[in-house]
Amino acid sequence: IALPAAAQESIDLCGIDGGSLVMAAIDGRLVGALELQSSSRPGAATLVQALRQRGVRRIMVVSGDTEPSTRSLSRELGVDEWRSEVLPHEKAEIVKGLQAEGAVVCFVGDGVNDALAMRQADVAVSLSGASSIAVDAAELVVTNNDLGPIEDAFALSEELHRNLERSLALVSVAPTVLNIAGLLVLRMGLLGSIVVKNLG
């Protein structure tokens, strides 16, 4: 379908703003166009800042959208790194490459095109309104439009990690030290050792 000069001009202008045009034709003749603009979910920029404060060093937008659209969205979110026009299998390869560098990867996605990368990631998060295949691939599903629960999951996992370390010290390290001290100093026997271990 031949595009008139005005249509090409609209495509170029749309690209500058980070959008893209979907053209409509009837009987081989252009009859209209629809402009699409990427938009971030509520709380996305706040989540990016919170993750940076938690020490997450690398936050990346990986999208099938055009470069101007992906760049615009990334800047809006405060993300330094983005990849555009990425096919579904390429998303999974990007995740695999990050893992090969030693990174633990959390992938947030909501579409069929994200499923392969979500399955490859160490942790996958799906969002409200996601395709069923994205929900199936996720370990965490955010059921409303707010991304706050992702930050809550980080806080919860850190608290769990602290509790596990404390429990390990109380259950394993402390009783073992007491048992060795009891054995060497008090000549404690098997029964005493069992009691000390169970107290831990």
C-alpha atoms as a PDB file:
ATOM      1  CA  ILE A   1       0.000   0.000   0.000  1.00  0.00           C
ATOM      2  CA  ALA A   2       1.458   3.329  -1.033  1.00  0.00           C
ATOM      3  CA  LEU A   3       1.813   5.788   1.814  1.00  0.00           C
ATOM      4  CA  PRO A   4       1.125   9.430   1.031  1.00  0.00           C
ATOM      5  CA  ALA A   5       3.747  11.956   2.166  1.00  0.00           C
ATOM      6  CA  ALA A   6       1.464  13.117   4.989  1.00  0.00           C
ATOM      7  CA  ALA A   7       1.290   9.569   6.387  1.00  0.00           C
ATOM      8  CA  GLN A   8       5.067   9.202   6.335  1.00  0.00           C
ATOM      9  CA  GLU A   9       5.361  12.561   8.065  1.00  0.00           C
ATOM     10  CA  SER A  10       2.925  11.360  10.768  1.00  0.00           C
ATOM     11  CA  ILE A  11       4.984   8.184  11.266  1.00  0.00           C
ATOM     12  CA  ASP A  12       8.139  10.246  11.729  1.00  0.00           C
ATOM     13  CA  LEU A  13       6.487  12.693  14.158  1.00  0.00           C
ATOM     14  CA  CYS A  14       4.962   9.840  16.122  1.00  0.00           C
ATOM     15  CA  GLY A  15       8.373   8.175  16.446  1.00  0.00           C
ATOM     16  CA  ILE A  16       9.892  11.346  17.896  1.00  0.00           C
ATOM     17  CA  ASP A  17       7.347  11.224  20.741  1.00  0.00           C
ATOM     18  CA  GLY A  18       8.101   7.554  21.366  1.00  0.00           C
ATOM     19  CA  GLY A  19       4.868   6.313  19.825  1.00  0.00           C
ATOM     20  CA  SER A  20       4.037   4.188  16.839  1.00  0.00           C
ATOM     21  CA  LEU A  21       1.302   4.223  14.200  1.00  0.00           C
ATOM     22  CA  VAL A  22      -0.923   1.352  13.166  1.00  0.00           C
ATOM     23  CA  MET A  23      -2.203   1.943   9.650  1.00  0.00           C
ATOM     24  CA  ALA A  24      -5.631   0.890   8.430  1.00  0.00           C
ATOM     25  CA  ALA A  25      -6.396   0.213   4.765  1.00  0.00           C
ATOM     26  CA  ILE A  26      -9.489  -0.794   2.844  1.00  0.00           C
ATOM     27  CA  ASP A  27      -9.230  -2.248  -0.663  1.00  0.00           C
ATOM     28  CA  GLY A  28      -5.538  -1.354  -0.888  1.00  0.00           C
ATOM     29  CA  ARG A  29      -6.088   2.288   0.076  1.00  0.00           C
ATOM     30  CA  LEU A  30      -4.904   3.916   3.311  1.00  0.00           C
ATOM     31  CA  VAL A  31      -7.951   5.171   5.228  1.00  0.00           C
ATOM     32  CA  GLY A  32      -6.591   5.961   8.682  1.00  0.00           C
ATOM     33  CA  ALA A  33      -4.039   5.456  11.395  1.00  0.00           C
ATOM     34  CA  LEU A  34      -4.063   4.858  15.116  1.00  0.00           C
ATOM     35  CA  GLU A  35      -1.265   6.197  17.326  1.00  0.00           C
ATOM     36  CA  LEU A  36      -0.052   3.919  20.117  1.00  0.00           C
ATOM     37  CA  GLN A  37       1.915   5.255  23.087  1.00  0.00           C
ATOM     38  CA  SER A  38       3.618   3.119  25.719  1.00  0.00           C
ATOM     39  CA  SER A  39       2.714   3.987  29.268  1.00  0.00           C
ATOM     40  CA  SER A  40       4.113   2.759  32.532  1.00  0.00           C
ATOM     41  CA  ARG A  41       2.014   1.202  35.241  1.00  0.00           C
ATOM     42  CA  PRO A  42       1.266   3.277  38.326  1.00  0.00           C
ATOM     43  CA  GLY A  43       4.138   3.023  40.782  1.00  0.00           C
ATOM     44  CA  ALA A  44       6.671   1.730  38.237  1.00  0.00           C
ATOM     45  CA  ALA A  45       9.086   4.656  38.602  1.00  0.00           C
ATOM     46  CA  THR A  46       8.771   4.473  42.402  1.00  0.00           C
ATOM     47  CA  LEU A  47       9.538   0.749  42.274  1.00  0.00           C
ATOM     48  CA  VAL A  48      12.670   1.389  40.190  1.00  0.00           C
ATOM     49  CA  GLN A  49      13.892   3.919  42.791  1.00  0.00           C
ATOM     50  CA  ALA A  50      13.110   1.530  45.661  1.00  0.00           C
ATOM     51  CA  LEU A  51      15.021  -1.301  43.964  1.00  0.00           C
ATOM     52  CA  ARG A  52      18.027   0.973  43.473  1.00  0.00           C
ATOM     53  CA  GLN A  53      17.921   1.866  47.187  1.00  0.00           C
ATOM     54  CA  ARG A  54      17.931  -1.860  47.968  1.00  0.00           C
ATOM     55  CA  GLY A  55      21.159  -2.198  46.006  1.00  0.00           C
ATOM     56  CA  VAL A  56      19.823  -3.627  42.735  1.00  0.00           C
ATOM     57  CA  ARG A  57      22.558  -2.519  40.364  1.00  0.00           C
ATOM     58  CA  ARG A  58      21.074  -3.287  36.971  1.00  0.00           C
ATOM     59  CA  ILE A  59      17.503  -2.540  35.931  1.00  0.00           C
ATOM     60  CA  MET A  60      16.682  -2.977  32.268  1.00  0.00           C
ATOM     61  CA  VAL A  61      13.658  -2.561  30.001  1.00  0.00           C
ATOM     62  CA  VAL A  62      13.497  -5.318  27.382  1.00  0.00           C
ATOM     63  CA  SER A  63      10.720  -4.678  24.880  1.00  0.00           C
ATOM     64  CA  GLY A  64       9.413  -5.668  21.491  1.00  0.00           C
ATOM     65  CA  ASP A  65       8.443  -2.029  20.893  1.00  0.00           C
ATOM     66  CA  THR A  66      10.351   0.377  18.693  1.00  0.00           C
ATOM     67  CA  GLU A  67      13.552   2.046  19.890  1.00  0.00           C
ATOM     68  CA  PRO A  68      12.040   5.552  20.407  1.00  0.00           C
ATOM     69  CA  SER A  69       9.093   4.116  22.355  1.00  0.00           C
ATOM     70  CA  THR A  70      11.328   1.918  24.540  1.00  0.00           C
ATOM     71  CA  ARG A  71      13.813   4.746  25.119  1.00  0.00           C
ATOM     72  CA  SER A  72      11.011   7.137  26.128  1.00  0.00           C
ATOM     73  CA  LEU A  73       9.521   4.617  28.575  1.00  0.00           C
ATOM     74  CA  SER A  74      12.944   3.822  30.050  1.00  0.00           C
ATOM     75  CA  ARG A  75      13.695   7.490  30.652  1.00  0.00           C
ATOM     76  CA  GLU A  76      10.278   7.969  32.252  1.00  0.00           C
ATOM     77  CA  LEU A  77      11.049   5.101  34.658  1.00  0.00           C
ATOM     78  CA  GLY A  78      14.608   6.228  35.377  1.00  0.00           C
ATOM     79  CA  VAL A  79      16.160   3.132  33.799  1.00  0.00           C
ATOM     80  CA  ASP A  80      19.612   3.487  32.235  1.00  0.00           C
ATOM     81  CA  GLU A  81      19.570   0.418  30.025  1.00  0.00           C
ATOM     82  CA  TRP A  82      17.037  -0.770  27.466  1.00  0.00           C
ATOM     83  CA  ARG A  83      16.724  -3.117  24.524  1.00  0.00           C
ATOM     84  CA  SER A  84      14.093  -2.539  21.849  1.00  0.00           C
ATOM     85  CA  GLU A  85      12.522  -4.578  19.047  1.00  0.00           C
ATOM     86  CA  VAL A  86      13.412  -7.771  20.922  1.00  0.00           C
ATOM     87  CA  LEU A  87      11.725 -11.012  19.869  1.00  0.00           C
ATOM     88  CA  PRO A  88      10.414 -13.452  22.525  1.00  0.00           C
ATOM     89  CA  HIS A  89      13.295 -15.951  22.170  1.00  0.00           C
ATOM     90  CA  GLU A  90      15.786 -13.058  22.291  1.00  0.00           C
ATOM     91  CA  LYS A  91      14.331 -11.952  25.639  1.00  0.00           C
ATOM     92  CA  ALA A  92      15.127 -15.403  27.036  1.00  0.00           C
ATOM     93  CA  GLU A  93      18.661 -15.173  25.573  1.00  0.00           C
ATOM     94  CA  ILE A  94      19.187 -11.814  27.284  1.00  0.00           C
ATOM     95  CA  VAL A  95      18.148 -13.356  30.617  1.00  0.00           C
ATOM     96  CA  LYS A  96      20.455 -16.319  29.997  1.00  0.00           C
ATOM     97  CA  GLY A  97      23.330 -13.947  29.189  1.00  0.00           C
ATOM     98  CA  LEU A  98      22.808 -11.991  32.408  1.00  0.00           C
ATOM     99  CA  GLN A  99      22.778 -15.250  34.386  1.00  0.00           C
ATOM    100  CA  ALA A 100      26.016 -16.328  32.689  1.00  0.00           C
ATOM    101  CA  GLU A 101      27.553 -13.080  34.020  1.00  0.00           C
ATOM    102  CA  GLY A 102      26.559 -14.185  37.534  1.00  0.00           C
ATOM    103  CA  ALA A 103      23.405 -12.082  37.883  1.00  0.00           C
ATOM    104  CA  VAL A 104      20.276 -13.274  39.654  1.00  0.00           C
ATOM    105  CA  VAL A 105      17.491 -12.187  37.307  1.00  0.00           C
ATOM    106  CA  CYS A 106      13.966 -11.137  38.207  1.00  0.00           C
ATOM    107  CA  PHE A 107      11.855 -10.711  35.061  1.00  0.00           C
ATOM    108  CA  VAL A 108       8.576  -8.775  35.188  1.00  0.00           C
ATOM    109  CA  GLY A 109       6.249  -9.491  32.283  1.00  0.00           C
ATOM    110  CA  ASP A 110       2.620  -9.760  31.293  1.00  0.00           C
ATOM    111  CA  GLY A 111       2.470 -11.011  27.710  1.00  0.00           C
ATOM    112  CA  VAL A 112       2.795 -14.216  25.744  1.00  0.00           C
ATOM    113  CA  ASN A 113       6.014 -12.754  24.325  1.00  0.00           C
ATOM    114  CA  ASP A 114       7.485 -12.635  27.878  1.00  0.00           C
ATOM    115  CA  ALA A 115       6.827 -16.265  28.813  1.00  0.00           C
ATOM    116  CA  LEU A 116      10.140 -17.740  27.602  1.00  0.00           C
ATOM    117  CA  ALA A 117      12.169 -15.102  29.451  1.00  0.00           C
ATOM    118  CA  MET A 118      10.024 -15.572  32.566  1.00  0.00           C
ATOM    119  CA  ARG A 119      10.689 -19.305  32.548  1.00  0.00           C
ATOM    120  CA  GLN A 120      14.438 -18.673  32.132  1.00  0.00           C
ATOM    121  CA  ALA A 121      14.610 -16.063  34.935  1.00  0.00           C
ATOM    122  CA  ASP A 122      15.462 -16.936  38.526  1.00  0.00           C
ATOM    123  CA  VAL A 123      12.268 -15.188  39.656  1.00  0.00           C
ATOM    124  CA  ALA A 124       9.352 -14.234  37.417  1.00  0.00           C
ATOM    125  CA  VAL A 125       6.671 -11.676  38.277  1.00  0.00           C
ATOM    126  CA  SER A 126       3.430 -11.352  36.371  1.00  0.00           C
ATOM    127  CA  LEU A 127       1.046  -8.413  36.488  1.00  0.00           C
ATOM    128  CA  SER A 128      -2.653  -7.671  36.579  1.00  0.00           C
ATOM    129  CA  GLY A 129      -4.283  -8.328  33.208  1.00  0.00           C
ATOM    130  CA  ALA A 130      -1.458 -10.612  32.085  1.00  0.00           C
ATOM    131  CA  SER A 131      -1.895 -13.438  29.606  1.00  0.00           C
ATOM    132  CA  SER A 132      -2.533 -16.839  31.194  1.00  0.00           C
ATOM    133  CA  ILE A 133       0.833 -18.163  29.986  1.00  0.00           C
ATOM    134  CA  ALA A 134       2.634 -15.265  31.752  1.00  0.00           C
ATOM    135  CA  VAL A 135       0.685 -15.956  34.949  1.00  0.00           C
ATOM    136  CA  ASP A 136       1.596 -19.665  34.730  1.00  0.00           C
ATOM    137  CA  ALA A 137       5.297 -18.817  34.328  1.00  0.00           C
ATOM    138  CA  ALA A 138       5.368 -16.492  37.348  1.00  0.00           C
ATOM    139  CA  GLU A 139       6.329 -17.200  40.944  1.00  0.00           C
ATOM    140  CA  LEU A 140       4.713 -13.919  42.037  1.00  0.00           C
ATOM    141  CA  VAL A 141       1.499 -12.548  40.538  1.00  0.00           C
ATOM    142  CA  VAL A 142       0.514  -8.955  41.319  1.00  0.00           C
ATOM    143  CA  THR A 143      -3.275  -8.958  41.120  1.00  0.00           C
ATOM    144  CA  ASN A 144      -3.932  -5.219  41.111  1.00  0.00           C
ATOM    145  CA  ASN A 145      -2.525  -2.425  38.995  1.00  0.00           C
ATOM    146  CA  ASP A 146      -0.146  -1.217  41.720  1.00  0.00           C
ATOM    147  CA  LEU A 147       3.455  -2.493  41.634  1.00  0.00           C
ATOM    148  CA  GLY A 148       3.974  -1.985  45.380  1.00  0.00           C
ATOM    149  CA  PRO A 149       3.721  -5.717  46.156  1.00  0.00           C
ATOM    150  CA  ILE A 150       6.986  -6.311  44.256  1.00  0.00           C
ATOM    151  CA  GLU A 151       8.783  -4.032  46.727  1.00  0.00           C
ATOM    152  CA  ASP A 152       6.921  -5.812  49.559  1.00  0.00           C
ATOM    153  CA  ALA A 153       8.210  -9.161  48.248  1.00  0.00           C
ATOM    154  CA  PHE A 154      11.800  -7.879  48.446  1.00  0.00           C
ATOM    155  CA  ALA A 155      11.232  -6.688  52.037  1.00  0.00           C
ATOM    156  CA  LEU A 156       9.608  -9.997  52.977  1.00  0.00           C
ATOM    157  CA  SER A 157      12.437 -12.035  51.467  1.00  0.00           C
ATOM    158  CA  GLU A 158      15.041  -9.960  53.330  1.00  0.00           C
ATOM    159  CA  GLU A 159      13.185 -10.488  56.628  1.00  0.00           C
ATOM    160  CA  LEU A 160      12.936 -14.219  55.914  1.00  0.00           C
ATOM    161  CA  HIS A 161      16.672 -14.326  55.183  1.00  0.00           C
ATOM    162  CA  ARG A 162      17.439 -12.573  58.496  1.00  0.00           C
ATOM    163  CA  ASN A 163      15.154 -14.999  60.366  1.00  0.00           C
ATOM    164  CA  LEU A 164      16.808 -18.005  58.728  1.00  0.00           C
ATOM    165  CA  GLU A 165      20.271 -16.740  59.699  1.00  0.00           C
ATOM    166  CA  ARG A 166      19.118 -16.173  63.304  1.00  0.00           C
ATOM    167  CA  SER A 167      17.505 -19.601  63.407  1.00  0.00           C
ATOM    168  CA  LEU A 168      20.643 -21.223  62.023  1.00  0.00           C
ATOM    169  CA  ALA A 169      22.697 -19.558  64.765  1.00  0.00           C
ATOM    170  CA  LEU A 170      20.255 -20.613  67.483  1.00  0.00           C
ATOM    171  CA  VAL A 171      19.608 -24.145  66.250  1.00  0.00           C
ATOM    172  CA  SER A 172      23.029 -25.149  64.977  1.00  0.00           C
ATOM    173  CA  VAL A 173      25.902 -22.906  65.970  1.00  0.00           C
ATOM    174  CA  ALA A 174      25.042 -22.049  69.602  1.00  0.00           C
ATOM    175  CA  PRO A 175      24.172 -25.635  70.709  1.00  0.00           C
ATOM    176  CA  THR A 176      27.259 -26.999  68.938  1.00  0.00           C
ATOM    177  CA  VAL A 177      29.521 -24.524  70.743  1.00  0.00           C
ATOM    178  CA  LEU A 178      27.789 -25.322  74.070  1.00  0.00           C
ATOM    179  CA  ASN A 179      28.138 -29.071  73.447  1.00  0.00           C
ATOM    180  CA  ILE A 180      31.859 -28.774  72.710  1.00  0.00           C
ATOM    181  CA  ALA A 181      32.365 -26.555  75.777  1.00  0.00           C
ATOM    182  CA  GLY A 182      30.281 -28.952  77.897  1.00  0.00           C
ATOM    183  CA  LEU A 183      32.240 -31.926  76.653  1.00  0.00           C
ATOM    184  CA  LEU A 184      35.640 -30.339  77.308  1.00  0.00           C
ATOM    185  CA  VAL A 185      34.879 -28.454  80.524  1.00  0.00           C
ATOM    186  CA  LEU A 186      32.021 -30.266  82.227  1.00  0.00           C
ATOM    187  CA  ARG A 187      32.632 -33.761  80.825  1.00  0.00           C
ATOM    188  CA  MET A 188      29.010 -33.730  79.664  1.00  0.00           C
ATOM    189  CA  GLY A 189      27.691 -37.015  78.293  1.00  0.00           C
ATOM    190  CA  LEU A 190      25.310 -37.973  75.486  1.00  0.00           C
ATOM    191  CA  LEU A 191      22.144 -37.145  77.456  1.00  0.00           C
ATOM    192  CA  GLY A 192      23.422 -33.638  78.307  1.00  0.00           C
ATOM    193  CA  SER A 193      24.410 -33.113  74.691  1.00  0.00           C
ATOM    194  CA  ILE A 194      20.902 -34.085  73.480  1.00  0.00           C
ATOM    195  CA  VAL A 195      19.301 -31.738  76.025  1.00  0.00           C
ATOM    196  CA  VAL A 196      21.496 -28.799  74.931  1.00  0.00           C
ATOM    197  CA  LYS A 197      20.785 -29.507  71.235  1.00  0.00           C
ATOM    198  CA  ASN A 198      17.012 -29.675  71.844  1.00  0.00           C
ATOM    199  CA  LEU A 199      17.060 -26.474  73.900  1.00  0.00           C
ATOM    200  CA  GLY A 200      18.533 -24.748  70.868  1.00  0.00           C
END
